[in-house]
Amino acid sequence: MHGQQVNAPRDTNPQMIKEAADEVWQILNWPMQANPKERDSSQFWAVIIGIDNYPHHHIYGCVSDAELVEKYIIEDLGVPSDHIQRLLGPSGEKTTDDSTIPTHANIIRTLYSLIDNPDIVNGDNIIVYFAGLGASYDAEEYYRRTVPLDIPMTVPIMPTNALCPIDRETFDDTGAEILDISDREIDAIFTQISQEKGHKITLILDCGHSCMRIKSVPPLGTRRTTRNVPSLSPNSIKPMLEGAHQRLAAYPQYLARRSVAAHDWQPDPSSHVVLAACLESEFAREEEDDTGIHGVFTKSLVDVLRSGQLKKGSTYVDLISGLPQFFCQTPFVSGDHKGEAIWYQE
C-alpha cells in the first residue's frame, strides 16, 4: 500500500523559501551575545573583584580585567549596575568608601551577603569573578601533624588553595595577621547560597596556585608576570580554616555537613561551576598588548563570549574548549553542572 504523495505547490515563492531558510539558520546559530532584552537581566547578580596593588607584590592587569568582565556583564548580558558589587584595588577612581576595597573583611562580607540577600530569589544567576593573586597551602602536611595517629586518613588530602585579599601580610587592630581566604570557605559559602538560591552560580578565577618557580615564567614585578604567590606561614592554615568554620557556623545547614577545618572535608561540586585560568601546577599569566595588560585567560574568555562562535545551548565545556592554547597554562572547568548552557540560559 502506497502512502499519499504530497507535491510541492507549483506557485511556491523562491523568496519565501529563502526567508524561511534564513530564519531557521538564525535560530540554529543564535549567538551568545544576543540582545540582552532576550534575557531577564533582573535575575542576574555579580560580584567583581580585581586586585593589582598588593603591599608586597605588584601585578598589573587584574583591575582592568575586572572592569572588562563588568563591561561584558552590563553590555552583553544586560545586568543592571545596581546588581553588581565591585571590589577593586586600586580602582583608578578616588573613593572614600572603604567598603569597596578588596580587603579580607570586605570580600568575606560581600560573598556572605549573597546568602541572605532577600532580592536574590531561587533560580537567579550569580556570577563571581576574581582576578588577583592565588596561593596554595600544604594541607596534608598540616593534618599529619595535627590529626591523632589512631584516626585513619580515609580520603586523599589535597592542597588547600586560597585567594589573596589586598591586605594579606598586614595586621588588624588586634595585631593578628590578615590571612588568605581558603577555597574550602568559598566552596562552603556557595553551598549555602545554592541551598537558598539554587545552583546557578558561576565562579571565574583568573589566578594561579602553584608555588613552583620555573625559568620560563617571568617573576613578579615585571611587566609580564604571573598571578601566583607562595603561601603565608605554614602555621597560618590553622587560623585560616578555624576562622572560616566560625563564620560558617552561623548557618545551621553548614553544621550538618563536614567542617571546612576537618581533615576529611570534601568540596561540593553540585553547588556551582568553576571556570579557572590554569591547573594547580601551572601559572596564571599576564601579557601586555596594544590595549594594555590583561590576564591571558580573562581576555580570551571575554573574546570568545563576544565572538559569536558560541551558539544557543553552548555549554561551559564548549566555552573552555573554545579558548586558544596557552603556553604552560591550561584553563579548565569543573562542577556537576558544567554541561549546562552558559549562564544557564535555555
Protein backbone atom coordinates (compact mmCIF):
# COMPACT_ATOMS: atom_id res chain seq x y z
CA MET A 1 0.00 0.00 0.00
CA HIS A 2 1.48 3.27 -1.04
CA GLY A 3 1.24 6.44 1.03
CA GLN A 4 -0.31 9.55 -0.31
CA GLN A 5 2.11 11.57 -2.39
CA VAL A 6 2.49 15.19 -1.42
CA ASN A 7 3.72 17.53 -4.09
CA ALA A 8 5.19 20.95 -3.51
CA PRO A 9 2.85 23.73 -4.61
CA ARG A 10 3.74 24.91 -8.07
CA ASP A 11 3.36 28.57 -7.13
CA THR A 12 5.91 28.47 -4.27
CA ASN A 13 7.71 31.80 -3.98
CA PRO A 14 11.52 31.28 -4.03
CA GLN A 15 11.96 34.43 -1.92
CA MET A 16 9.67 33.00 0.77
CA ILE A 17 11.71 29.79 0.81
CA LYS A 18 14.94 31.77 1.21
CA GLU A 19 13.49 33.87 4.06
CA ALA A 20 12.27 30.74 5.85
CA ALA A 21 15.67 29.09 5.45
CA ASP A 22 17.39 32.20 6.80
CA GLU A 23 15.10 32.20 9.82
CA VAL A 24 15.88 28.55 10.58
CA TRP A 25 19.62 29.25 10.23
CA GLN A 26 19.37 32.17 12.68
CA ILE A 27 17.56 30.02 15.23
CA LEU A 28 20.17 27.26 14.98
CA ASN A 29 23.05 29.74 15.15
CA TRP A 30 21.75 32.09 17.84
CA PRO A 31 24.83 33.87 19.21
CA MET A 32 25.66 34.17 22.90
CA GLN A 33 25.88 37.96 22.63
CA ALA A 34 22.21 38.24 21.64
CA ASN A 35 20.16 41.25 22.65
CA PRO A 36 20.16 41.47 26.46
CA LYS A 37 16.40 42.05 26.32
CA GLU A 38 16.02 38.38 25.32
CA ARG A 39 17.14 37.50 28.86
CA ASP A 40 15.58 38.54 32.15
CA SER A 41 18.59 40.54 33.28
CA SER A 42 16.91 41.29 36.61
CA GLN A 43 17.69 37.69 37.53
CA PHE A 44 21.47 38.23 37.28
CA TRP A 45 23.75 39.26 40.13
CA ALA A 46 27.51 39.66 40.16
CA VAL A 47 30.50 40.21 42.42
CA ILE A 48 33.57 41.58 40.62
CA ILE A 49 36.94 41.53 42.44
CA GLY A 50 40.20 42.79 40.94
CA ILE A 51 43.43 43.47 42.85
CA ASP A 52 46.65 44.93 41.45
CA ASN A 53 48.39 46.74 44.27
CA TYR A 54 49.30 44.23 46.99
CA PRO A 55 51.60 45.54 49.75
CA HIS A 56 54.50 43.27 48.79
CA HIS A 57 53.60 42.09 45.28
CA HIS A 58 52.61 44.15 42.26
CA ILE A 59 50.61 42.81 39.36
CA TYR A 60 49.14 45.00 36.68
CA GLY A 61 46.12 43.70 34.78
CA CYS A 62 43.65 42.49 37.40
CA VAL A 63 41.65 45.69 37.80
CA SER A 64 41.41 46.19 34.04
CA ASP A 65 40.33 42.55 33.69
CA ALA A 66 37.65 43.04 36.34
CA GLU A 67 36.41 46.14 34.52
CA LEU A 68 36.38 44.21 31.23
CA VAL A 69 34.24 41.46 32.77
CA GLU A 70 31.94 44.04 34.34
CA LYS A 71 31.54 45.74 30.95
CA TYR A 72 30.62 42.40 29.37
CA ILE A 73 28.10 41.66 32.13
CA ILE A 74 26.43 45.06 31.74
CA GLU A 75 26.56 45.50 27.96
CA ASP A 76 26.19 41.91 26.73
CA LEU A 77 24.12 40.31 29.49
CA GLY A 78 22.19 43.49 30.31
CA VAL A 79 22.73 43.18 34.06
CA PRO A 80 21.76 46.36 35.95
CA SER A 81 24.71 48.09 37.59
CA ASP A 82 22.96 48.00 40.96
CA HIS A 83 23.08 44.19 40.78
CA ILE A 84 26.88 44.28 40.67
CA GLN A 85 29.17 44.62 43.69
CA ARG A 86 32.67 45.87 42.78
CA LEU A 87 35.75 45.42 44.94
CA LEU A 88 38.71 46.90 43.08
CA GLY A 89 42.13 47.80 44.37
CA PRO A 90 43.25 50.21 43.23
CA SER A 91 40.22 51.08 41.13
CA GLY A 92 41.68 54.12 39.38
CA GLU A 93 38.90 56.15 40.96
CA LYS A 94 39.26 58.14 44.16
CA THR A 95 36.81 56.93 46.78
CA THR A 96 36.13 57.49 50.44
CA ASP A 97 34.09 54.29 50.64
CA ASP A 98 36.32 51.75 52.35
CA SER A 99 33.69 49.05 51.75
CA THR A 100 34.72 48.85 48.07
CA ILE A 101 38.37 47.98 48.80
CA PRO A 102 39.02 44.22 48.34
CA THR A 103 40.21 43.57 51.88
CA HIS A 104 39.77 40.22 53.59
CA ALA A 105 36.83 41.58 55.59
CA ASN A 106 35.11 43.15 52.58
CA ILE A 107 35.50 40.08 50.34
CA ILE A 108 34.13 37.85 53.09
CA ARG A 109 31.25 40.24 53.84
CA THR A 110 30.33 40.54 50.16
CA LEU A 111 30.32 36.80 49.49
CA TYR A 112 28.29 36.00 52.62
CA SER A 113 25.80 38.74 51.72
CA LEU A 114 24.73 36.66 48.71
CA ILE A 115 23.32 34.03 51.07
CA ASP A 116 20.96 36.37 52.89
CA ASN A 117 20.14 38.94 50.19
CA PRO A 118 16.31 38.88 50.00
CA ASP A 119 16.36 40.38 46.50
CA ILE A 120 18.11 37.28 45.11
CA VAL A 121 15.50 34.58 44.62
CA ASN A 122 15.76 30.89 43.91
CA GLY A 123 16.80 30.33 40.31
CA ASP A 124 18.64 33.63 39.86
CA ASN A 125 22.06 33.70 38.19
CA ILE A 126 25.08 34.65 40.31
CA ILE A 127 28.49 35.38 38.77
CA VAL A 128 31.56 35.83 40.99
CA TYR A 129 34.77 36.96 39.29
CA PHE A 130 38.19 37.19 40.95
CA ALA A 131 41.43 38.44 39.41
CA GLY A 132 44.39 38.68 41.74
CA LEU A 133 46.97 36.55 43.47
CA GLY A 134 46.39 32.94 44.48
CA ALA A 135 48.34 30.73 46.88
CA SER A 136 48.42 27.07 47.92
CA TYR A 137 48.84 25.50 51.37
CA ASP A 138 50.15 22.03 52.17
CA ALA A 139 47.08 20.69 53.96
CA GLU A 140 48.36 17.12 54.04
CA GLU A 141 51.48 18.09 55.98
CA TYR A 142 49.35 20.17 58.38
CA TYR A 143 46.88 17.37 59.12
CA ARG A 144 49.58 14.75 59.55
CA ARG A 145 50.97 16.95 62.31
CA THR A 146 47.61 17.62 63.98
CA VAL A 147 45.34 14.59 63.45
CA PRO A 148 45.85 11.82 66.05
CA LEU A 149 47.57 8.74 64.68
CA ASP A 150 44.62 6.49 65.58
CA ILE A 151 42.33 8.40 63.19
CA PRO A 152 42.68 6.93 59.69
CA MET A 153 43.15 9.22 56.69
CA THR A 154 40.29 7.78 54.63
CA VAL A 155 40.40 10.28 51.75
CA PRO A 156 43.30 11.92 49.92
CA ILE A 157 44.12 15.34 51.35
CA MET A 158 44.50 17.85 48.55
CA PRO A 159 46.33 21.16 48.89
CA THR A 160 44.19 23.97 50.25
CA ASN A 161 44.14 26.73 47.64
CA ALA A 162 43.39 30.31 48.57
CA LEU A 163 42.55 33.73 47.17
CA CYS A 164 44.71 36.59 48.39
CA PRO A 165 42.98 39.77 49.64
CA ILE A 166 44.69 43.10 49.16
CA ASP A 167 45.63 43.34 52.86
CA ARG A 168 47.30 39.92 53.22
CA GLU A 169 50.59 40.08 55.14
CA THR A 170 49.34 43.08 57.13
CA PHE A 171 47.87 43.15 60.64
CA ASP A 172 44.49 44.12 62.03
CA ASP A 173 43.80 46.35 65.04
CA THR A 174 44.38 43.44 67.43
CA GLY A 175 47.78 42.63 65.95
CA ALA A 176 46.55 39.48 64.20
CA GLU A 177 47.87 38.79 60.71
CA ILE A 178 45.42 39.18 57.83
CA LEU A 179 45.13 35.76 56.20
CA ASP A 180 44.19 34.45 52.78
CA ILE A 181 40.69 33.13 52.01
CA SER A 182 40.64 29.37 51.52
CA ASP A 183 38.86 27.58 48.70
CA ARG A 184 37.19 25.49 51.40
CA GLU A 185 35.40 28.53 52.78
CA ILE A 186 34.45 29.77 49.32
CA ASP A 187 33.08 26.33 48.41
CA ALA A 188 31.07 26.21 51.64
CA ILE A 189 29.69 29.71 51.02
CA PHE A 190 28.49 28.63 47.58
CA THR A 191 26.90 25.55 49.10
CA GLN A 192 24.94 27.80 51.45
CA ILE A 193 23.97 30.10 48.57
CA SER A 194 22.84 27.16 46.42
CA GLN A 195 20.65 25.82 49.22
CA GLU A 196 18.92 29.20 49.46
CA LYS A 197 19.04 30.47 45.87
CA GLY A 198 19.69 27.45 43.62
CA HIS A 199 22.81 26.22 41.85
CA LYS A 200 23.03 28.79 39.01
CA ILE A 201 26.34 30.07 40.33
CA THR A 202 29.46 30.63 38.21
CA LEU A 203 32.86 31.30 39.79
CA ILE A 204 35.53 32.69 37.44
CA LEU A 205 39.10 32.67 38.76
CA ASP A 206 41.98 34.38 36.98
CA CYS A 207 44.69 33.47 39.46
CA GLY A 208 47.07 30.57 39.98
CA HIS A 209 48.00 28.45 42.97
CA SER A 210 51.30 26.85 42.06
CA CYS A 211 54.22 27.87 44.27
CA MET A 212 56.85 26.33 41.97
CA ARG A 213 59.31 28.57 40.19
CA ILE A 214 60.31 27.85 36.61
CA LYS A 215 62.65 29.83 34.43
CA SER A 216 60.21 30.15 31.53
CA VAL A 217 57.77 32.26 33.56
CA PRO A 218 58.72 35.89 34.33
CA PRO A 219 59.00 36.73 38.05
CA LEU A 220 56.61 39.05 39.85
CA GLY A 221 57.36 42.71 39.36
CA THR A 222 57.99 42.51 35.62
CA ARG A 223 55.54 43.81 33.04
CA ARG A 224 54.74 40.23 32.06
CA THR A 225 54.08 38.39 35.27
CA THR A 226 52.05 35.65 36.93
CA ARG A 227 49.24 35.68 39.45
CA ASN A 228 50.73 33.16 41.88
CA VAL A 229 52.50 33.75 45.20
CA PRO A 230 53.87 31.47 47.91
CA SER A 231 51.60 30.79 50.86
CA LEU A 232 51.90 32.64 54.13
CA SER A 233 53.49 30.81 57.07
CA PRO A 234 52.58 27.09 57.21
CA ASN A 235 51.16 27.83 60.66
CA SER A 236 48.57 30.19 59.15
CA ILE A 237 46.49 27.36 57.70
CA LYS A 238 45.07 26.57 61.15
CA PRO A 239 43.62 30.04 61.92
CA MET A 240 42.57 30.42 58.27
CA LEU A 241 40.39 27.29 58.42
CA GLU A 242 39.21 27.77 62.00
CA GLY A 243 38.15 31.35 61.22
CA ALA A 244 36.19 30.07 58.23
CA HIS A 245 34.47 27.45 60.39
CA GLN A 246 33.47 30.06 62.97
CA ARG A 247 31.92 32.29 60.30
CA LEU A 248 30.06 29.41 58.64
CA ALA A 249 28.79 28.05 61.97
CA ALA A 250 26.15 30.80 61.93
CA TYR A 251 24.33 28.71 59.30
CA PRO A 252 22.61 25.58 60.70
CA GLN A 253 22.72 23.80 57.34
CA TYR A 254 26.51 24.12 57.34
CA LEU A 255 26.73 22.44 60.75
CA ALA A 256 25.03 19.38 59.27
CA ARG A 257 27.96 18.96 56.87
CA ARG A 258 31.65 18.25 57.39
CA SER A 259 33.55 21.19 58.87
CA VAL A 260 35.85 23.05 56.49
CA ALA A 261 38.53 22.57 59.14
CA ALA A 262 38.19 18.76 59.10
CA HIS A 263 40.92 16.65 57.52
CA ASP A 264 38.33 14.67 55.54
CA TRP A 265 36.46 17.70 54.18
CA GLN A 266 35.33 17.34 50.57
CA PRO A 267 34.16 20.04 48.12
CA ASP A 268 30.57 20.25 46.90
CA PRO A 269 30.64 20.08 43.07
CA SER A 270 26.85 20.39 42.85
CA SER A 271 26.67 23.97 44.12
CA HIS A 272 28.44 25.90 41.34
CA VAL A 273 30.56 25.81 38.19
CA VAL A 274 34.18 26.98 38.27
CA LEU A 275 35.98 28.48 35.27
CA ALA A 276 39.66 28.63 36.22
CA ALA A 277 42.69 30.11 34.49
CA CYS A 278 45.04 27.16 34.97
CA LEU A 279 45.69 23.81 36.59
CA GLU A 280 47.05 23.67 40.14
CA SER A 281 50.60 23.02 38.94
CA GLU A 282 50.56 25.91 36.47
CA PHE A 283 50.70 29.70 36.41
CA ALA A 284 48.05 32.27 35.52
CA ARG A 285 49.90 34.71 33.26
CA GLU A 286 49.52 38.34 32.34
CA GLU A 287 50.57 39.78 28.99
CA GLU A 288 50.71 43.25 27.50
CA ASP A 289 49.24 44.16 24.13
CA ASP A 290 48.07 47.32 22.38
CA THR A 291 45.11 47.65 24.76
CA GLY A 292 47.12 47.27 27.96
CA ILE A 293 47.95 44.45 30.36
CA HIS A 294 45.47 41.59 30.77
CA GLY A 295 45.32 38.10 32.14
CA VAL A 296 45.55 35.88 29.07
CA PHE A 297 42.64 33.83 30.44
CA THR A 298 40.20 36.68 31.08
CA LYS A 299 40.85 38.46 27.80
CA SER A 300 40.44 35.25 25.80
CA LEU A 301 37.34 34.27 27.76
CA VAL A 302 35.57 37.56 27.03
CA ASP A 303 36.76 37.48 23.41
CA VAL A 304 35.17 34.04 22.91
CA LEU A 305 31.96 35.06 24.68
CA ARG A 306 31.64 38.02 22.32
CA SER A 307 32.87 36.31 19.16
CA GLY A 308 29.61 34.71 18.07
CA GLN A 309 31.19 31.26 17.86
CA LEU A 310 29.11 30.12 20.84
CA LYS A 311 25.53 29.35 19.90
CA LYS A 312 22.32 28.91 21.82
CA GLY A 313 22.77 25.90 24.05
CA SER A 314 26.58 26.10 24.14
CA THR A 315 27.84 24.83 27.48
CA TYR A 316 30.56 25.82 29.90
CA VAL A 317 32.60 22.94 28.48
CA ASP A 318 32.17 24.43 25.00
CA LEU A 319 33.32 27.81 26.31
CA ILE A 320 36.57 26.45 27.75
CA SER A 321 37.14 24.29 24.67
CA GLY A 322 36.83 27.40 22.50
CA LEU A 323 39.76 29.16 24.17
CA PRO A 324 43.13 29.25 22.40
CA GLN A 325 46.01 27.16 23.69
CA PHE A 326 48.31 28.98 26.10
CA PHE A 327 51.95 28.27 26.94
CA CYS A 328 52.24 26.46 30.30
CA GLN A 329 48.64 27.35 31.15
CA THR A 330 45.58 25.11 30.82
CA PRO A 331 42.20 26.67 31.68
CA PHE A 332 39.62 24.23 32.99
CA VAL A 333 36.00 23.95 34.03
CA SER A 334 34.66 21.91 36.94
CA GLY A 335 31.36 21.27 38.68
CA ASP A 336 28.42 18.94 38.22
CA HIS A 337 26.62 21.48 36.02
CA LYS A 338 29.47 22.25 33.61
CA GLY A 339 27.45 20.59 30.83
CA GLU A 340 24.62 23.10 31.19
CA ALA A 341 24.17 26.09 28.89
CA ILE A 342 26.36 29.11 29.62
CA TRP A 343 24.71 31.33 32.25
CA TYR A 344 22.13 28.51 32.47
CA GLN A 345 20.19 30.02 29.56
CA GLU A 346 17.68 27.71 27.88
